Amino acid sequence: MILLNGELQDSEKIHLDSGFYFGRGLFETMLVKRKPVFLTEHLNRINSGLKIIGVNKKITEEDVLEAVSKLKCEDCVLKLVVTDKNVIYTTRKNNYTEEQYKKGFSIKISTVKRNPYSKITYLKSLNYLENILEHEECIEEGYNEVIFFNTSGKLAEGSVSNVFFIKNKKIYTPSTDCGLLNGTVRKFVVNNYDVIEGEFYEQDLINSDEIFLTNSIMGVMKVSKLSNKYIKSSGITETIRKKYEEYIK
């Protein structure tokens, strides 16, 4: 069941437009508890992005809450897709498990480089195939996530996540102009902790004391292994995760 242009549909019928033919469209993936988490941030991002790609639409809070009600979405994941002729909402369950949070993620470094000069890099656009292909490949190789550096060798982001690392009890994350999507949970961490945003390289990540990932569905996830190196945890990541979980209750 999906909500397509305000109507509940049993089949996934869409209007063919430049979103289908050329990827001119954006999406947001939101965690819904009793209501969508960080709804204002998600709407600000997609609406500002729609202006950039030339789609004359604006999604309101009322639109999303109506979709949540019609789809009976609670304690689930809500995906919003907007193109020139379509506004689509779909739901699914949250597949992240407590076992994953306890164990932590195993990550690898991609050979693909992020382009920090491209507009698309900074949008949650339908041009997402590179991320999907890299993510699927890392899963097949036994990893949970893959990390991109940019064309200048600077740390950028994961295929579905933002990246933080800790060194000497200080928290670091790449600045947005390194070529990354500024995630909602990334903003939460930056706004609530003393985070150093800057330009970092592979050795900075390899030599870090802790690494953690964020996105709007998994929240905060510790990294237990980077390629062949095991990452120990001093507890800072878990403290951040618990604060985040408490905030979104």
C-alpha atoms as a PDB file:
ATOM      1  CA  MET A   1       0.000   0.000   0.000  1.00  0.00           C
ATOM      2  CA  ILE A   2       1.340   3.444  -0.964  1.00  0.00           C
ATOM      3  CA  LEU A   3       0.008   6.979  -0.864  1.00  0.00           C
ATOM      4  CA  LEU A   4       0.341   8.371  -4.404  1.00  0.00           C
ATOM      5  CA  ASN A   5      -0.625  11.992  -4.996  1.00  0.00           C
ATOM      6  CA  GLY A   6      -2.930  11.907  -1.965  1.00  0.00           C
ATOM      7  CA  GLU A   7      -4.691   8.647  -2.859  1.00  0.00           C
ATOM      8  CA  LEU A   8      -4.170   5.206  -1.358  1.00  0.00           C
ATOM      9  CA  GLN A   9      -3.066   2.764  -4.047  1.00  0.00           C
ATOM     10  CA  ASP A  10      -2.740  -1.017  -4.114  1.00  0.00           C
ATOM     11  CA  SER A  11      -0.384  -0.852  -7.077  1.00  0.00           C
ATOM     12  CA  GLU A  12       2.642   1.347  -7.636  1.00  0.00           C
ATOM     13  CA  LYS A  13       1.332   3.449 -10.534  1.00  0.00           C
ATOM     14  CA  ILE A  14       3.196   6.702 -11.130  1.00  0.00           C
ATOM     15  CA  HIS A  15       3.129   9.470 -13.697  1.00  0.00           C
ATOM     16  CA  LEU A  16       6.090   9.272 -16.062  1.00  0.00           C
ATOM     17  CA  ASP A  17       8.054  12.505 -15.778  1.00  0.00           C
ATOM     18  CA  SER A  18      11.625  13.783 -15.612  1.00  0.00           C
ATOM     19  CA  GLY A  19      11.961  12.027 -12.245  1.00  0.00           C
ATOM     20  CA  PHE A  20      11.499   8.684 -13.974  1.00  0.00           C
ATOM     21  CA  TYR A  21      13.508   9.511 -17.087  1.00  0.00           C
ATOM     22  CA  PHE A  22      16.317  11.631 -15.630  1.00  0.00           C
ATOM     23  CA  GLY A  23      16.194  11.282 -11.842  1.00  0.00           C
ATOM     24  CA  ARG A  24      14.908  14.837 -11.325  1.00  0.00           C
ATOM     25  CA  GLY A  25      13.460  14.193  -7.897  1.00  0.00           C
ATOM     26  CA  LEU A  26      14.271  14.027  -4.207  1.00  0.00           C
ATOM     27  CA  PHE A  27      13.456  11.733  -1.328  1.00  0.00           C
ATOM     28  CA  GLU A  28      13.464  11.776   2.450  1.00  0.00           C
ATOM     29  CA  THR A  29      13.460   8.752   4.731  1.00  0.00           C
ATOM     30  CA  MET A  30      11.973   9.509   8.128  1.00  0.00           C
ATOM     31  CA  LEU A  31      11.773   7.584  11.362  1.00  0.00           C
ATOM     32  CA  VAL A  32       8.257   7.680  12.759  1.00  0.00           C
ATOM     33  CA  LYS A  33       7.636   7.025  16.437  1.00  0.00           C
ATOM     34  CA  ARG A  34       4.287   8.453  17.487  1.00  0.00           C
ATOM     35  CA  LYS A  35       5.077  11.153  14.926  1.00  0.00           C
ATOM     36  CA  PRO A  36       7.930  11.753  12.435  1.00  0.00           C
ATOM     37  CA  VAL A  37      11.279  12.492  14.081  1.00  0.00           C
ATOM     38  CA  PHE A  38      13.043  15.696  12.931  1.00  0.00           C
ATOM     39  CA  LEU A  39      10.146  16.471  10.583  1.00  0.00           C
ATOM     40  CA  THR A  40      11.027  20.162  10.298  1.00  0.00           C
ATOM     41  CA  GLU A  41      14.613  19.333   9.313  1.00  0.00           C
ATOM     42  CA  HIS A  42      13.496  16.796   6.713  1.00  0.00           C
ATOM     43  CA  LEU A  43      11.018  19.263   5.178  1.00  0.00           C
ATOM     44  CA  ASN A  44      13.519  22.124   5.124  1.00  0.00           C
ATOM     45  CA  ARG A  45      15.994  19.924   3.280  1.00  0.00           C
ATOM     46  CA  ILE A  46      13.626  18.543   0.673  1.00  0.00           C
ATOM     47  CA  ASN A  47      11.893  21.873   0.002  1.00  0.00           C
ATOM     48  CA  SER A  48      15.148  23.769  -0.441  1.00  0.00           C
ATOM     49  CA  GLY A  49      16.383  20.963  -2.690  1.00  0.00           C
ATOM     50  CA  LEU A  50      13.254  21.048  -4.836  1.00  0.00           C
ATOM     51  CA  LYS A  51      13.980  24.694  -5.634  1.00  0.00           C
ATOM     52  CA  ILE A  52      17.514  23.784  -6.682  1.00  0.00           C
ATOM     53  CA  ILE A  53      16.385  21.060  -9.091  1.00  0.00           C
ATOM     54  CA  GLY A  54      13.528  23.119 -10.510  1.00  0.00           C
ATOM     55  CA  VAL A  55      10.529  21.209  -9.168  1.00  0.00           C
ATOM     56  CA  ASN A  56       7.769  23.656  -8.267  1.00  0.00           C
ATOM     57  CA  LYS A  57       6.403  21.860  -5.213  1.00  0.00           C
ATOM     58  CA  LYS A  58       6.457  22.432  -1.468  1.00  0.00           C
ATOM     59  CA  ILE A  59       5.732  19.687   1.047  1.00  0.00           C
ATOM     60  CA  THR A  60       4.142  20.863   4.289  1.00  0.00           C
ATOM     61  CA  GLU A  61       4.011  19.381   7.756  1.00  0.00           C
ATOM     62  CA  GLU A  62       0.274  18.871   7.280  1.00  0.00           C
ATOM     63  CA  ASP A  63       0.941  16.857   4.104  1.00  0.00           C
ATOM     64  CA  VAL A  64       3.270  14.478   5.927  1.00  0.00           C
ATOM     65  CA  LEU A  65       1.057  14.087   8.995  1.00  0.00           C
ATOM     66  CA  GLU A  66      -1.922  13.324   6.761  1.00  0.00           C
ATOM     67  CA  ALA A  67       0.139  10.648   5.001  1.00  0.00           C
ATOM     68  CA  VAL A  68       1.183   9.164   8.347  1.00  0.00           C
ATOM     69  CA  SER A  69      -2.472   8.995   9.369  1.00  0.00           C
ATOM     70  CA  LYS A  70      -3.709   7.471   6.103  1.00  0.00           C
ATOM     71  CA  LEU A  71      -0.934   4.876   6.038  1.00  0.00           C
ATOM     72  CA  LYS A  72      -1.349   4.186   9.782  1.00  0.00           C
ATOM     73  CA  CYS A  73       2.377   4.617  10.203  1.00  0.00           C
ATOM     74  CA  GLU A  74       3.618   4.396  13.801  1.00  0.00           C
ATOM     75  CA  ASP A  75       6.964   2.978  14.934  1.00  0.00           C
ATOM     76  CA  CYS A  76       7.941   2.545  11.302  1.00  0.00           C
ATOM     77  CA  VAL A  77       9.899   4.128   8.453  1.00  0.00           C
ATOM     78  CA  LEU A  78       8.214   6.629   6.137  1.00  0.00           C
ATOM     79  CA  LYS A  79       9.709   7.378   2.726  1.00  0.00           C
ATOM     80  CA  LEU A  80       8.694  10.481   0.794  1.00  0.00           C
ATOM     81  CA  VAL A  81       9.536  10.804  -2.913  1.00  0.00           C
ATOM     82  CA  VAL A  82       8.827  14.010  -4.826  1.00  0.00           C
ATOM     83  CA  THR A  83       9.136  14.515  -8.582  1.00  0.00           C
ATOM     84  CA  ASP A  84       7.547  17.019 -10.956  1.00  0.00           C
ATOM     85  CA  LYS A  85       4.279  15.061 -11.254  1.00  0.00           C
ATOM     86  CA  ASN A  86       4.383  12.729  -8.236  1.00  0.00           C
ATOM     87  CA  VAL A  87       4.338  12.853  -4.465  1.00  0.00           C
ATOM     88  CA  ILE A  88       4.709   9.329  -3.110  1.00  0.00           C
ATOM     89  CA  TYR A  89       4.727   8.018   0.476  1.00  0.00           C
ATOM     90  CA  THR A  90       5.615   4.440   1.347  1.00  0.00           C
ATOM     91  CA  THR A  91       6.240   2.684   4.658  1.00  0.00           C
ATOM     92  CA  ARG A  92       8.381  -0.184   5.893  1.00  0.00           C
ATOM     93  CA  LYS A  93       9.623  -1.503   9.196  1.00  0.00           C
ATOM     94  CA  ASN A  94      12.890  -0.429  10.804  1.00  0.00           C
ATOM     95  CA  ASN A  95      15.331  -3.277  10.138  1.00  0.00           C
ATOM     96  CA  TYR A  96      18.132  -2.181  12.471  1.00  0.00           C
ATOM     97  CA  THR A  97      18.431  -4.572  15.425  1.00  0.00           C
ATOM     98  CA  GLU A  98      19.668  -4.384  19.010  1.00  0.00           C
ATOM     99  CA  GLU A  99      22.213  -7.046  18.109  1.00  0.00           C
ATOM    100  CA  GLN A 100      23.731  -4.689  15.531  1.00  0.00           C
ATOM    101  CA  TYR A 101      23.992  -1.871  18.078  1.00  0.00           C
ATOM    102  CA  LYS A 102      25.742  -4.206  20.530  1.00  0.00           C
ATOM    103  CA  LYS A 103      28.085  -5.695  17.946  1.00  0.00           C
ATOM    104  CA  GLY A 104      28.742  -2.550  15.918  1.00  0.00           C
ATOM    105  CA  PHE A 105      29.216  -2.186  12.174  1.00  0.00           C
ATOM    106  CA  SER A 106      32.036  -3.471  10.037  1.00  0.00           C
ATOM    107  CA  ILE A 107      32.976  -0.925   7.375  1.00  0.00           C
ATOM    108  CA  LYS A 108      35.262  -0.657   4.358  1.00  0.00           C
ATOM    109  CA  ILE A 109      36.612   2.187   2.232  1.00  0.00           C
ATOM    110  CA  SER A 110      35.252   2.626  -1.294  1.00  0.00           C
ATOM    111  CA  THR A 111      37.455   3.131  -4.331  1.00  0.00           C
ATOM    112  CA  VAL A 112      34.727   5.450  -5.688  1.00  0.00           C
ATOM    113  CA  LYS A 113      35.381   9.142  -5.022  1.00  0.00           C
ATOM    114  CA  ARG A 114      32.802  11.777  -4.061  1.00  0.00           C
ATOM    115  CA  ASN A 115      32.660  14.896  -6.226  1.00  0.00           C
ATOM    116  CA  PRO A 116      32.536  17.885  -3.847  1.00  0.00           C
ATOM    117  CA  TYR A 117      31.829  20.248  -6.768  1.00  0.00           C
ATOM    118  CA  SER A 118      28.577  18.589  -7.876  1.00  0.00           C
ATOM    119  CA  LYS A 119      25.183  19.954  -6.795  1.00  0.00           C
ATOM    120  CA  ILE A 120      23.843  16.405  -6.716  1.00  0.00           C
ATOM    121  CA  THR A 121      26.313  15.416  -3.986  1.00  0.00           C
ATOM    122  CA  TYR A 122      24.529  17.693  -1.514  1.00  0.00           C
ATOM    123  CA  LEU A 123      20.983  16.586  -2.393  1.00  0.00           C
ATOM    124  CA  LYS A 124      19.056  13.483  -1.389  1.00  0.00           C
ATOM    125  CA  SER A 125      18.248  12.896  -5.022  1.00  0.00           C
ATOM    126  CA  LEU A 126      16.888  10.019  -7.074  1.00  0.00           C
ATOM    127  CA  ASN A 127      20.355   9.805  -8.645  1.00  0.00           C
ATOM    128  CA  TYR A 128      21.282   7.341  -5.900  1.00  0.00           C
ATOM    129  CA  LEU A 129      22.454   4.342  -7.914  1.00  0.00           C
ATOM    130  CA  GLU A 130      26.148   4.748  -7.123  1.00  0.00           C
ATOM    131  CA  ASN A 131      25.380   4.605  -3.406  1.00  0.00           C
ATOM    132  CA  ILE A 132      23.170   1.548  -3.857  1.00  0.00           C
ATOM    133  CA  LEU A 133      25.706  -0.353  -5.950  1.00  0.00           C
ATOM    134  CA  GLU A 134      28.536   0.365  -3.508  1.00  0.00           C
ATOM    135  CA  HIS A 135      26.347  -0.540  -0.539  1.00  0.00           C
ATOM    136  CA  GLU A 136      25.206  -3.815  -2.108  1.00  0.00           C
ATOM    137  CA  GLU A 137      28.805  -4.724  -2.932  1.00  0.00           C
ATOM    138  CA  CYS A 138      29.975  -4.097   0.637  1.00  0.00           C
ATOM    139  CA  ILE A 139      27.124  -6.262   1.998  1.00  0.00           C
ATOM    140  CA  GLU A 140      28.116  -9.091  -0.366  1.00  0.00           C
ATOM    141  CA  GLU A 141      31.677  -8.791   0.965  1.00  0.00           C
ATOM    142  CA  GLY A 142      30.494  -9.136   4.563  1.00  0.00           C
ATOM    143  CA  TYR A 143      30.540  -5.475   5.594  1.00  0.00           C
ATOM    144  CA  ASN A 144      27.681  -3.322   6.854  1.00  0.00           C
ATOM    145  CA  GLU A 145      28.654   0.009   5.279  1.00  0.00           C
ATOM    146  CA  VAL A 146      31.123   1.571   2.846  1.00  0.00           C
ATOM    147  CA  ILE A 147      32.859   4.929   3.283  1.00  0.00           C
ATOM    148  CA  PHE A 148      33.588   7.466   0.533  1.00  0.00           C
ATOM    149  CA  PHE A 149      36.480   9.907   0.329  1.00  0.00           C
ATOM    150  CA  ASN A 150      36.309  12.780  -2.138  1.00  0.00           C
ATOM    151  CA  THR A 151      38.369  13.474  -5.255  1.00  0.00           C
ATOM    152  CA  SER A 152      40.978  15.238  -3.093  1.00  0.00           C
ATOM    153  CA  GLY A 153      41.309  12.262  -0.748  1.00  0.00           C
ATOM    154  CA  LYS A 154      39.311  13.881   2.063  1.00  0.00           C
ATOM    155  CA  LEU A 155      36.838  11.928   4.173  1.00  0.00           C
ATOM    156  CA  ALA A 156      33.231  12.489   3.025  1.00  0.00           C
ATOM    157  CA  GLU A 157      30.427  10.097   4.033  1.00  0.00           C
ATOM    158  CA  GLY A 158      29.075   6.571   3.940  1.00  0.00           C
ATOM    159  CA  SER A 159      26.751   5.198   1.269  1.00  0.00           C
ATOM    160  CA  VAL A 160      23.808   5.608   3.667  1.00  0.00           C
ATOM    161  CA  SER A 161      25.390   7.448   6.577  1.00  0.00           C
ATOM    162  CA  ASN A 162      27.423  10.318   7.948  1.00  0.00           C
ATOM    163  CA  VAL A 163      30.767   9.547   9.581  1.00  0.00           C
ATOM    164  CA  PHE A 164      32.215  10.651  12.921  1.00  0.00           C
ATOM    165  CA  PHE A 165      35.433   9.603  14.607  1.00  0.00           C
ATOM    166  CA  ILE A 166      36.912  10.179  18.054  1.00  0.00           C
ATOM    167  CA  LYS A 167      40.557  10.829  18.870  1.00  0.00           C
ATOM    168  CA  ASN A 168      41.806  11.646  22.357  1.00  0.00           C
ATOM    169  CA  LYS A 169      38.183  12.072  23.490  1.00  0.00           C
ATOM    170  CA  LYS A 170      37.512  14.739  20.840  1.00  0.00           C
ATOM    171  CA  ILE A 171      34.777  14.233  18.244  1.00  0.00           C
ATOM    172  CA  TYR A 172      35.489  14.915  14.572  1.00  0.00           C
ATOM    173  CA  THR A 173      33.392  14.855  11.399  1.00  0.00           C
ATOM    174  CA  PRO A 174      33.996  16.050   7.826  1.00  0.00           C
ATOM    175  CA  SER A 175      32.714  19.519   6.968  1.00  0.00           C
ATOM    176  CA  THR A 176      29.804  19.510   4.537  1.00  0.00           C
ATOM    177  CA  ASP A 177      31.849  21.048   1.712  1.00  0.00           C
ATOM    178  CA  CYS A 178      33.945  17.862   1.594  1.00  0.00           C
ATOM    179  CA  GLY A 179      31.073  16.375  -0.405  1.00  0.00           C
ATOM    180  CA  LEU A 180      28.401  14.928   1.841  1.00  0.00           C
ATOM    181  CA  LEU A 181      24.730  15.097   2.659  1.00  0.00           C
ATOM    182  CA  ASN A 182      24.098  16.963   5.905  1.00  0.00           C
ATOM    183  CA  GLY A 183      21.996  14.377   7.718  1.00  0.00           C
ATOM    184  CA  THR A 184      19.406  15.107  10.402  1.00  0.00           C
ATOM    185  CA  VAL A 185      21.151  12.994  13.046  1.00  0.00           C
ATOM    186  CA  ARG A 186      24.499  14.502  12.016  1.00  0.00           C
ATOM    187  CA  LYS A 187      22.991  17.904  12.853  1.00  0.00           C
ATOM    188  CA  PHE A 188      21.771  16.573  16.208  1.00  0.00           C
ATOM    189  CA  VAL A 189      25.268  15.407  17.171  1.00  0.00           C
ATOM    190  CA  VAL A 190      26.947  18.608  15.946  1.00  0.00           C
ATOM    191  CA  ASN A 191      24.410  20.777  17.802  1.00  0.00           C
ATOM    192  CA  ASN A 192      24.634  18.854  21.083  1.00  0.00           C
ATOM    193  CA  TYR A 193      28.339  18.097  21.351  1.00  0.00           C
ATOM    194  CA  ASP A 194      31.623  19.895  20.826  1.00  0.00           C
ATOM    195  CA  VAL A 195      32.310  18.516  17.348  1.00  0.00           C
ATOM    196  CA  ILE A 196      35.272  19.583  15.228  1.00  0.00           C
ATOM    197  CA  GLU A 197      34.241  19.848  11.564  1.00  0.00           C
ATOM    198  CA  GLY A 198      37.093  19.889   9.066  1.00  0.00           C
ATOM    199  CA  GLU A 199      39.105  18.110   6.397  1.00  0.00           C
ATOM    200  CA  PHE A 200      40.350  14.634   7.287  1.00  0.00           C
ATOM    201  CA  TYR A 201      42.155  11.862   5.447  1.00  0.00           C
ATOM    202  CA  GLU A 202      42.285   8.085   5.468  1.00  0.00           C
ATOM    203  CA  GLN A 203      44.994   7.933   8.132  1.00  0.00           C
ATOM    204  CA  ASP A 204      42.902  10.126  10.425  1.00  0.00           C
ATOM    205  CA  LEU A 205      40.121   7.556  10.237  1.00  0.00           C
ATOM    206  CA  ILE A 206      42.449   4.567  10.559  1.00  0.00           C
ATOM    207  CA  ASN A 207      44.258   6.066  13.576  1.00  0.00           C
ATOM    208  CA  SER A 208      41.100   7.114  15.409  1.00  0.00           C
ATOM    209  CA  ASP A 209      40.077   5.719  18.794  1.00  0.00           C
ATOM    210  CA  GLU A 210      36.404   5.284  17.919  1.00  0.00           C
ATOM    211  CA  ILE A 211      34.216   5.617  14.839  1.00  0.00           C
ATOM    212  CA  PHE A 212      30.464   5.923  14.640  1.00  0.00           C
ATOM    213  CA  LEU A 213      27.898   6.414  11.890  1.00  0.00           C
ATOM    214  CA  THR A 214      24.592   8.253  11.826  1.00  0.00           C
ATOM    215  CA  ASN A 215      21.473   8.359   9.720  1.00  0.00           C
ATOM    216  CA  SER A 216      17.833   9.147  10.336  1.00  0.00           C
ATOM    217  CA  ILE A 217      16.741   5.529  10.741  1.00  0.00           C
ATOM    218  CA  MET A 218      19.602   3.843  12.589  1.00  0.00           C
ATOM    219  CA  GLY A 219      20.371   6.896  14.706  1.00  0.00           C
ATOM    220  CA  VAL A 220      23.881   6.371  16.104  1.00  0.00           C
ATOM    221  CA  MET A 221      25.794   3.185  15.281  1.00  0.00           C
ATOM    222  CA  LYS A 222      29.263   2.335  16.599  1.00  0.00           C
ATOM    223  CA  VAL A 223      31.876   0.864  14.254  1.00  0.00           C
ATOM    224  CA  SER A 224      33.662  -2.224  15.536  1.00  0.00           C
ATOM    225  CA  LYS A 225      35.837  -2.908  12.506  1.00  0.00           C
ATOM    226  CA  LEU A 226      37.400  -0.811   9.717  1.00  0.00           C
ATOM    227  CA  SER A 227      38.612  -3.133   6.938  1.00  0.00           C
ATOM    228  CA  ASN A 228      40.957  -5.448   8.900  1.00  0.00           C
ATOM    229  CA  LYS A 229      41.347  -3.226  11.972  1.00  0.00           C
ATOM    230  CA  TYR A 230      39.212  -3.785  15.049  1.00  0.00           C
ATOM    231  CA  ILE A 231      38.003  -0.594  16.719  1.00  0.00           C
ATOM    232  CA  LYS A 232      37.742  -0.505  20.502  1.00  0.00           C
ATOM    233  CA  SER A 233      35.123   1.610  22.236  1.00  0.00           C
ATOM    234  CA  SER A 234      35.808   3.848  25.222  1.00  0.00           C
ATOM    235  CA  GLY A 235      32.080   4.379  25.739  1.00  0.00           C
ATOM    236  CA  ILE A 236      31.774   7.859  24.218  1.00  0.00           C
ATOM    237  CA  THR A 237      29.803   6.582  21.225  1.00  0.00           C
ATOM    238  CA  GLU A 238      27.400   4.683  23.459  1.00  0.00           C
ATOM    239  CA  THR A 239      26.854   7.793  25.592  1.00  0.00           C
ATOM    240  CA  ILE A 240      25.959   9.768  22.443  1.00  0.00           C
ATOM    241  CA  ARG A 241      23.632   6.991  21.266  1.00  0.00           C
ATOM    242  CA  LYS A 242      21.797   6.836  24.590  1.00  0.00           C
ATOM    243  CA  LYS A 243      21.312  10.609  24.608  1.00  0.00           C
ATOM    244  CA  TYR A 244      19.928  10.462  21.079  1.00  0.00           C
ATOM    245  CA  GLU A 245      17.582   7.580  21.882  1.00  0.00           C
ATOM    246  CA  GLU A 246      16.308   9.432  24.923  1.00  0.00           C
ATOM    247  CA  TYR A 247      15.713  12.557  22.827  1.00  0.00           C
ATOM    248  CA  ILE A 248      13.542  10.826  20.216  1.00  0.00           C
ATOM    249  CA  LYS A 249      11.328   8.886  22.671  1.00  0.00           C
END
